[in-house]
Amino acid sequence: GRPRRVVRRDRGDGGGIGGGVQLAGTHVAGIAHAGEGAQGRDDGRYADATKLYETWIAVEPNEPRAQQARNRAKARSEGREDEVEAGRAKDREGDYAAAEVFFTQAIVKDTNNGNAYKGRATVRRKLGRFDDALGDITRAANLMTDEPGTRSEAARLYEEKGDLVRSRGLYEKVTMIKPKDSRAWGDLAEIFKKQKKFRKAAFYYGVAYGLDPNYAKNLDHI
């Protein structure tokens, strides 16, 4: 009979099925190292965590989160306070100016530190510097594309600027990414309330209440 034509689909050069499988395998390996590093960090074994995060970097050298995690673990292992953590602490204390300084120091050290940009955006929003905050949160969103917290912060920025349409769109995206996040549903409901769309506000507060009974008081005030 006629010879059969064999078509190779797994080129193994980064393209096709073989390349896709290889990339997926690399990402899975990276996630494994990230998990082991996080466990070491949580156990207080910062030197071990640093080494595990460095292995993650070797597997996924273009993953900014790996470098950020390594830098934080290394700082802890050397007895230094990580600037991002220090900034968050000052934010919780209400000292937003000091928090901004720490977040800026973190950015100077690592211009791909998405958490630092996100933190600085939060405190700049609280300081009333909305345009600066928006620039920071946009940068954070570009660095952490799968982090819904960046969308939430951007939504709060637009909400405080009075752009309820953009804010609502971002909150809606957060609810799609994190459907079990009661705060996301509550924030969305609040936007509808501000737009005087009370029926929709009541509906979304109801969703939030189903996830967190503390939202009962919000339903009472519709």
C-alpha atoms as a PDB file:
ATOM      1  CA  GLY A   1       0.000   0.000   0.000  1.00  0.00           C
ATOM      2  CA  ARG A   2       0.943   3.681  -0.030  1.00  0.00           C
ATOM      3  CA  PRO A   3       3.400   4.823   2.694  1.00  0.00           C
ATOM      4  CA  ARG A   4       1.761   6.629   5.592  1.00  0.00           C
ATOM      5  CA  ARG A   5       2.718  10.240   6.188  1.00  0.00           C
ATOM      6  CA  VAL A   6       3.760  10.902   9.761  1.00  0.00           C
ATOM      7  CA  VAL A   7       3.254  14.445  11.027  1.00  0.00           C
ATOM      8  CA  ARG A   8       5.236  15.377  14.132  1.00  0.00           C
ATOM      9  CA  ARG A   9       3.339  17.844  16.318  1.00  0.00           C
ATOM     10  CA  ASP A  10       5.567  17.917  19.390  1.00  0.00           C
ATOM     11  CA  ARG A  11       8.499  19.927  18.122  1.00  0.00           C
ATOM     12  CA  GLY A  12      10.058  20.272  21.588  1.00  0.00           C
ATOM     13  CA  ASP A  13      11.477  23.668  20.665  1.00  0.00           C
ATOM     14  CA  GLY A  14       9.084  25.715  22.800  1.00  0.00           C
ATOM     15  CA  GLY A  15       6.251  25.631  20.243  1.00  0.00           C
ATOM     16  CA  GLY A  16       3.474  23.172  19.438  1.00  0.00           C
ATOM     17  CA  ILE A  17       2.129  20.594  21.848  1.00  0.00           C
ATOM     18  CA  GLY A  18       5.522  19.514  23.154  1.00  0.00           C
ATOM     19  CA  GLY A  19       6.549  23.092  23.882  1.00  0.00           C
ATOM     20  CA  GLY A  20       3.263  23.763  25.653  1.00  0.00           C
ATOM     21  CA  VAL A  21       3.644  20.691  27.840  1.00  0.00           C
ATOM     22  CA  GLN A  22       7.204  21.689  28.661  1.00  0.00           C
ATOM     23  CA  LEU A  23       6.137  25.190  29.681  1.00  0.00           C
ATOM     24  CA  ALA A  24       3.290  23.813  31.790  1.00  0.00           C
ATOM     25  CA  GLY A  25       5.668  21.404  33.505  1.00  0.00           C
ATOM     26  CA  THR A  26       8.059  24.238  34.277  1.00  0.00           C
ATOM     27  CA  HIS A  27       5.264  26.280  35.847  1.00  0.00           C
ATOM     28  CA  VAL A  28       4.113  23.324  37.958  1.00  0.00           C
ATOM     29  CA  ALA A  29       7.675  22.825  39.188  1.00  0.00           C
ATOM     30  CA  GLY A  30       7.878  26.529  40.020  1.00  0.00           C
ATOM     31  CA  ILE A  31       4.657  26.362  42.016  1.00  0.00           C
ATOM     32  CA  ALA A  32       6.033  23.386  43.964  1.00  0.00           C
ATOM     33  CA  HIS A  33       9.187  25.294  44.925  1.00  0.00           C
ATOM     34  CA  ALA A  34       7.078  28.344  45.819  1.00  0.00           C
ATOM     35  CA  GLY A  35       4.960  26.238  48.161  1.00  0.00           C
ATOM     36  CA  GLU A  36       7.991  24.699  49.846  1.00  0.00           C
ATOM     37  CA  GLY A  37       9.538  28.146  50.256  1.00  0.00           C
ATOM     38  CA  ALA A  38       6.340  29.524  51.782  1.00  0.00           C
ATOM     39  CA  GLN A  39       6.250  26.638  54.240  1.00  0.00           C
ATOM     40  CA  GLY A  40       9.820  27.345  55.297  1.00  0.00           C
ATOM     41  CA  ARG A  41       9.007  31.020  55.680  1.00  0.00           C
ATOM     42  CA  ASP A  42       5.932  30.281  57.792  1.00  0.00           C
ATOM     43  CA  ASP A  43       8.007  27.972  59.983  1.00  0.00           C
ATOM     44  CA  GLY A  44      10.561  30.731  60.521  1.00  0.00           C
ATOM     45  CA  ARG A  45      13.245  28.900  58.503  1.00  0.00           C
ATOM     46  CA  TYR A  46      14.110  31.954  56.429  1.00  0.00           C
ATOM     47  CA  ALA A  47      17.513  30.723  55.202  1.00  0.00           C
ATOM     48  CA  ASP A  48      15.929  27.503  53.918  1.00  0.00           C
ATOM     49  CA  ALA A  49      13.098  29.498  52.379  1.00  0.00           C
ATOM     50  CA  THR A  50      15.622  31.723  50.594  1.00  0.00           C
ATOM     51  CA  LYS A  51      17.281  28.697  48.984  1.00  0.00           C
ATOM     52  CA  LEU A  52      13.936  27.244  47.916  1.00  0.00           C
ATOM     53  CA  TYR A  53      12.876  30.538  46.386  1.00  0.00           C
ATOM     54  CA  GLU A  54      16.201  30.695  44.548  1.00  0.00           C
ATOM     55  CA  THR A  55      15.392  27.271  43.089  1.00  0.00           C
ATOM     56  CA  TRP A  56      12.045  28.706  41.986  1.00  0.00           C
ATOM     57  CA  ILE A  57      13.925  31.577  40.284  1.00  0.00           C
ATOM     58  CA  ALA A  58      16.155  29.071  38.479  1.00  0.00           C
ATOM     59  CA  VAL A  59      13.065  27.280  37.152  1.00  0.00           C
ATOM     60  CA  GLU A  60      11.107  30.452  36.290  1.00  0.00           C
ATOM     61  CA  PRO A  61      13.650  33.296  35.934  1.00  0.00           C
ATOM     62  CA  ASN A  62      11.064  35.717  34.523  1.00  0.00           C
ATOM     63  CA  GLU A  63       8.618  35.316  37.429  1.00  0.00           C
ATOM     64  CA  PRO A  64       8.812  38.553  39.493  1.00  0.00           C
ATOM     65  CA  ARG A  65       6.999  36.999  42.455  1.00  0.00           C
ATOM     66  CA  ALA A  66       9.831  34.505  42.884  1.00  0.00           C
ATOM     67  CA  GLN A  67      12.400  37.284  43.212  1.00  0.00           C
ATOM     68  CA  GLN A  68      10.192  39.254  45.579  1.00  0.00           C
ATOM     69  CA  ALA A  69       9.652  36.210  47.798  1.00  0.00           C
ATOM     70  CA  ARG A  70      13.402  35.476  47.804  1.00  0.00           C
ATOM     71  CA  ASN A  71      14.228  39.063  48.734  1.00  0.00           C
ATOM     72  CA  ARG A  72      11.769  39.052  51.648  1.00  0.00           C
ATOM     73  CA  ALA A  73      13.008  35.712  52.985  1.00  0.00           C
ATOM     74  CA  LYS A  74      16.632  36.793  52.627  1.00  0.00           C
ATOM     75  CA  ALA A  75      15.951  40.021  54.513  1.00  0.00           C
ATOM     76  CA  ARG A  76      14.391  38.062  57.360  1.00  0.00           C
ATOM     77  CA  SER A  77      17.244  35.525  57.417  1.00  0.00           C
ATOM     78  CA  GLU A  78      19.725  38.400  57.765  1.00  0.00           C
ATOM     79  CA  GLY A  79      17.727  39.962  60.583  1.00  0.00           C
ATOM     80  CA  ARG A  80      16.532  42.872  58.470  1.00  0.00           C
ATOM     81  CA  GLU A  81      12.918  43.988  58.377  1.00  0.00           C
ATOM     82  CA  ASP A  82      11.462  43.765  54.923  1.00  0.00           C
ATOM     83  CA  GLU A  83      10.425  47.225  53.690  1.00  0.00           C
ATOM     84  CA  VAL A  84       7.070  45.985  52.395  1.00  0.00           C
ATOM     85  CA  GLU A  85       6.174  44.451  55.751  1.00  0.00           C
ATOM     86  CA  ALA A  86       7.353  47.605  57.511  1.00  0.00           C
ATOM     87  CA  GLY A  87       5.195  49.689  55.175  1.00  0.00           C
ATOM     88  CA  ARG A  88       2.158  47.532  55.886  1.00  0.00           C
ATOM     89  CA  ALA A  89       2.750  47.879  59.616  1.00  0.00           C
ATOM     90  CA  LYS A  90       2.881  51.676  59.351  1.00  0.00           C
ATOM     91  CA  ASP A  91      -0.265  51.605  57.203  1.00  0.00           C
ATOM     92  CA  ARG A  92      -2.088  49.666  59.941  1.00  0.00           C
ATOM     93  CA  GLU A  93      -0.876  52.225  62.502  1.00  0.00           C
ATOM     94  CA  GLY A  94      -2.262  55.036  60.358  1.00  0.00           C
ATOM     95  CA  ASP A  95       1.166  56.553  59.682  1.00  0.00           C
ATOM     96  CA  TYR A  96       0.696  56.748  55.915  1.00  0.00           C
ATOM     97  CA  ALA A  97       3.624  59.068  55.223  1.00  0.00           C
ATOM     98  CA  ALA A  98       6.074  56.674  56.916  1.00  0.00           C
ATOM     99  CA  ALA A  99       4.455  53.743  55.110  1.00  0.00           C
ATOM    100  CA  GLU A 100       5.003  55.487  51.773  1.00  0.00           C
ATOM    101  CA  VAL A 101       8.698  55.884  52.575  1.00  0.00           C
ATOM    102  CA  PHE A 102       9.099  52.152  53.272  1.00  0.00           C
ATOM    103  CA  PHE A 103       7.210  51.127  50.124  1.00  0.00           C
ATOM    104  CA  THR A 104       9.334  53.529  48.063  1.00  0.00           C
ATOM    105  CA  GLN A 105      12.508  52.029  49.520  1.00  0.00           C
ATOM    106  CA  ALA A 106      11.272  48.586  48.469  1.00  0.00           C
ATOM    107  CA  ILE A 107      10.624  49.848  44.934  1.00  0.00           C
ATOM    108  CA  VAL A 108      14.105  51.398  44.712  1.00  0.00           C
ATOM    109  CA  LYS A 109      15.577  48.001  45.597  1.00  0.00           C
ATOM    110  CA  ASP A 110      13.331  46.082  43.213  1.00  0.00           C
ATOM    111  CA  THR A 111      11.422  47.933  40.513  1.00  0.00           C
ATOM    112  CA  ASN A 112       9.379  44.779  39.814  1.00  0.00           C
ATOM    113  CA  ASN A 113       8.044  44.511  43.367  1.00  0.00           C
ATOM    114  CA  GLY A 114       4.304  44.443  42.701  1.00  0.00           C
ATOM    115  CA  ASN A 115       3.421  44.277  46.402  1.00  0.00           C
ATOM    116  CA  ALA A 116       5.384  47.462  47.055  1.00  0.00           C
ATOM    117  CA  TYR A 117       3.553  49.338  44.297  1.00  0.00           C
ATOM    118  CA  LYS A 118       0.236  48.014  45.573  1.00  0.00           C
ATOM    119  CA  GLY A 119       1.047  49.054  49.152  1.00  0.00           C
ATOM    120  CA  ARG A 120       2.191  52.499  48.091  1.00  0.00           C
ATOM    121  CA  ALA A 121      -0.970  52.942  46.014  1.00  0.00           C
ATOM    122  CA  THR A 122      -3.065  52.174  49.099  1.00  0.00           C
ATOM    123  CA  VAL A 123      -1.351  54.717  51.339  1.00  0.00           C
ATOM    124  CA  ARG A 124      -1.243  57.361  48.612  1.00  0.00           C
ATOM    125  CA  ARG A 125      -4.995  56.920  48.185  1.00  0.00           C
ATOM    126  CA  LYS A 126      -5.417  57.423  51.929  1.00  0.00           C
ATOM    127  CA  LEU A 127      -3.264  60.546  51.676  1.00  0.00           C
ATOM    128  CA  GLY A 128      -5.590  61.858  48.961  1.00  0.00           C
ATOM    129  CA  ARG A 129      -3.009  61.620  46.163  1.00  0.00           C
ATOM    130  CA  PHE A 130      -5.238  59.797  43.743  1.00  0.00           C
ATOM    131  CA  ASP A 131      -3.287  60.314  40.511  1.00  0.00           C
ATOM    132  CA  ASP A 132      -0.045  59.050  42.087  1.00  0.00           C
ATOM    133  CA  ALA A 133      -1.931  56.131  43.588  1.00  0.00           C
ATOM    134  CA  LEU A 134      -3.496  55.259  40.249  1.00  0.00           C
ATOM    135  CA  GLY A 135      -0.061  55.159  38.604  1.00  0.00           C
ATOM    136  CA  ASP A 136       1.178  52.796  41.303  1.00  0.00           C
ATOM    137  CA  ILE A 137      -1.796  50.450  41.160  1.00  0.00           C
ATOM    138  CA  THR A 138      -1.579  50.302  37.363  1.00  0.00           C
ATOM    139  CA  ARG A 139       2.064  49.255  37.690  1.00  0.00           C
ATOM    140  CA  ALA A 140       1.137  46.678  40.334  1.00  0.00           C
ATOM    141  CA  ALA A 141      -1.604  45.248  38.116  1.00  0.00           C
ATOM    142  CA  ASN A 142       0.874  44.851  35.234  1.00  0.00           C
ATOM    143  CA  LEU A 143       3.281  42.995  37.515  1.00  0.00           C
ATOM    144  CA  MET A 144       0.665  40.841  39.277  1.00  0.00           C
ATOM    145  CA  THR A 145      -1.848  40.010  36.564  1.00  0.00           C
ATOM    146  CA  ASP A 146      -3.533  37.244  38.592  1.00  0.00           C
ATOM    147  CA  GLU A 147      -3.844  39.236  41.829  1.00  0.00           C
ATOM    148  CA  PRO A 148      -7.446  40.414  42.372  1.00  0.00           C
ATOM    149  CA  GLY A 149      -6.326  42.723  45.176  1.00  0.00           C
ATOM    150  CA  THR A 150      -4.879  45.132  42.604  1.00  0.00           C
ATOM    151  CA  ARG A 151      -8.306  45.432  40.956  1.00  0.00           C
ATOM    152  CA  SER A 152      -9.949  46.002  44.336  1.00  0.00           C
ATOM    153  CA  GLU A 153      -7.521  48.812  45.157  1.00  0.00           C
ATOM    154  CA  ALA A 154      -8.028  50.389  41.719  1.00  0.00           C
ATOM    155  CA  ALA A 155     -11.800  50.153  42.227  1.00  0.00           C
ATOM    156  CA  ARG A 156     -11.523  51.984  45.564  1.00  0.00           C
ATOM    157  CA  LEU A 157      -9.429  54.674  43.899  1.00  0.00           C
ATOM    158  CA  TYR A 158     -12.010  55.289  41.188  1.00  0.00           C
ATOM    159  CA  GLU A 159     -14.781  55.168  43.791  1.00  0.00           C
ATOM    160  CA  GLU A 160     -13.141  57.888  45.867  1.00  0.00           C
ATOM    161  CA  LYS A 161     -12.534  59.945  42.725  1.00  0.00           C
ATOM    162  CA  GLY A 162     -16.252  59.672  41.975  1.00  0.00           C
ATOM    163  CA  ASP A 163     -15.898  57.506  38.857  1.00  0.00           C
ATOM    164  CA  LEU A 164     -18.483  54.938  39.921  1.00  0.00           C
ATOM    165  CA  VAL A 165     -18.781  53.347  36.467  1.00  0.00           C
ATOM    166  CA  ARG A 166     -15.119  52.308  36.331  1.00  0.00           C
ATOM    167  CA  SER A 167     -15.195  51.339  39.975  1.00  0.00           C
ATOM    168  CA  ARG A 168     -18.203  49.104  39.460  1.00  0.00           C
ATOM    169  CA  GLY A 169     -16.583  47.390  36.470  1.00  0.00           C
ATOM    170  CA  LEU A 170     -13.495  46.544  38.507  1.00  0.00           C
ATOM    171  CA  TYR A 171     -15.494  45.274  41.475  1.00  0.00           C
ATOM    172  CA  GLU A 172     -17.508  43.074  39.099  1.00  0.00           C
ATOM    173  CA  LYS A 173     -14.255  41.533  37.820  1.00  0.00           C
ATOM    174  CA  VAL A 174     -13.158  40.833  41.401  1.00  0.00           C
ATOM    175  CA  THR A 175     -16.424  39.012  42.146  1.00  0.00           C
ATOM    176  CA  MET A 176     -15.853  36.841  39.068  1.00  0.00           C
ATOM    177  CA  ILE A 177     -12.304  35.995  40.167  1.00  0.00           C
ATOM    178  CA  LYS A 178     -13.205  35.509  43.853  1.00  0.00           C
ATOM    179  CA  PRO A 179     -16.901  34.585  43.987  1.00  0.00           C
ATOM    180  CA  LYS A 180     -16.673  33.622  47.670  1.00  0.00           C
ATOM    181  CA  ASP A 181     -15.200  36.953  48.767  1.00  0.00           C
ATOM    182  CA  SER A 182     -17.958  38.647  50.758  1.00  0.00           C
ATOM    183  CA  ARG A 183     -16.173  41.993  50.781  1.00  0.00           C
ATOM    184  CA  ALA A 184     -16.055  42.063  46.979  1.00  0.00           C
ATOM    185  CA  TRP A 185     -19.838  41.586  46.807  1.00  0.00           C
ATOM    186  CA  GLY A 186     -20.357  44.153  49.556  1.00  0.00           C
ATOM    187  CA  ASP A 187     -18.168  46.689  47.763  1.00  0.00           C
ATOM    188  CA  LEU A 188     -20.114  46.120  44.549  1.00  0.00           C
ATOM    189  CA  ALA A 189     -23.396  46.567  46.410  1.00  0.00           C
ATOM    190  CA  GLU A 190     -22.129  49.847  47.865  1.00  0.00           C
ATOM    191  CA  ILE A 191     -21.450  51.195  44.375  1.00  0.00           C
ATOM    192  CA  PHE A 192     -24.995  50.396  43.286  1.00  0.00           C
ATOM    193  CA  LYS A 193     -26.266  52.080  46.454  1.00  0.00           C
ATOM    194  CA  LYS A 194     -24.290  55.238  45.616  1.00  0.00           C
ATOM    195  CA  GLN A 195     -25.787  55.116  42.123  1.00  0.00           C
ATOM    196  CA  LYS A 196     -29.234  54.919  43.797  1.00  0.00           C
ATOM    197  CA  LYS A 197     -29.872  51.525  42.219  1.00  0.00           C
ATOM    198  CA  PHE A 198     -31.249  50.170  45.463  1.00  0.00           C
ATOM    199  CA  ARG A 199     -32.773  46.968  44.117  1.00  0.00           C
ATOM    200  CA  LYS A 200     -29.423  45.813  42.735  1.00  0.00           C
ATOM    201  CA  ALA A 201     -27.660  47.001  45.883  1.00  0.00           C
ATOM    202  CA  ALA A 202     -30.004  44.878  47.982  1.00  0.00           C
ATOM    203  CA  PHE A 203     -29.383  41.874  45.745  1.00  0.00           C
ATOM    204  CA  TYR A 204     -25.590  42.097  46.027  1.00  0.00           C
ATOM    205  CA  TYR A 205     -25.717  42.804  49.753  1.00  0.00           C
ATOM    206  CA  GLY A 206     -27.786  39.624  49.941  1.00  0.00           C
ATOM    207  CA  VAL A 207     -24.987  37.700  48.229  1.00  0.00           C
ATOM    208  CA  ALA A 208     -22.480  39.200  50.672  1.00  0.00           C
ATOM    209  CA  TYR A 209     -24.764  38.300  53.583  1.00  0.00           C
ATOM    210  CA  GLY A 210     -24.914  34.694  52.377  1.00  0.00           C
ATOM    211  CA  LEU A 211     -21.136  34.576  52.724  1.00  0.00           C
ATOM    212  CA  ASP A 212     -20.836  36.737  55.844  1.00  0.00           C
ATOM    213  CA  PRO A 213     -23.777  37.330  58.257  1.00  0.00           C
ATOM    214  CA  ASN A 214     -22.213  40.645  59.317  1.00  0.00           C
ATOM    215  CA  TYR A 215     -23.685  42.177  56.153  1.00  0.00           C
ATOM    216  CA  ALA A 216     -27.183  41.927  57.682  1.00  0.00           C
ATOM    217  CA  LYS A 217     -26.860  45.520  58.905  1.00  0.00           C
ATOM    218  CA  ASN A 218     -26.204  46.695  55.338  1.00  0.00           C
ATOM    219  CA  LEU A 219     -29.415  45.059  54.156  1.00  0.00           C
ATOM    220  CA  ASP A 220     -31.310  46.846  56.918  1.00  0.00           C
ATOM    221  CA  HIS A 221     -30.173  50.235  55.619  1.00  0.00           C
ATOM    222  CA  ILE A 222     -31.201  49.835  51.959  1.00  0.00           C
END
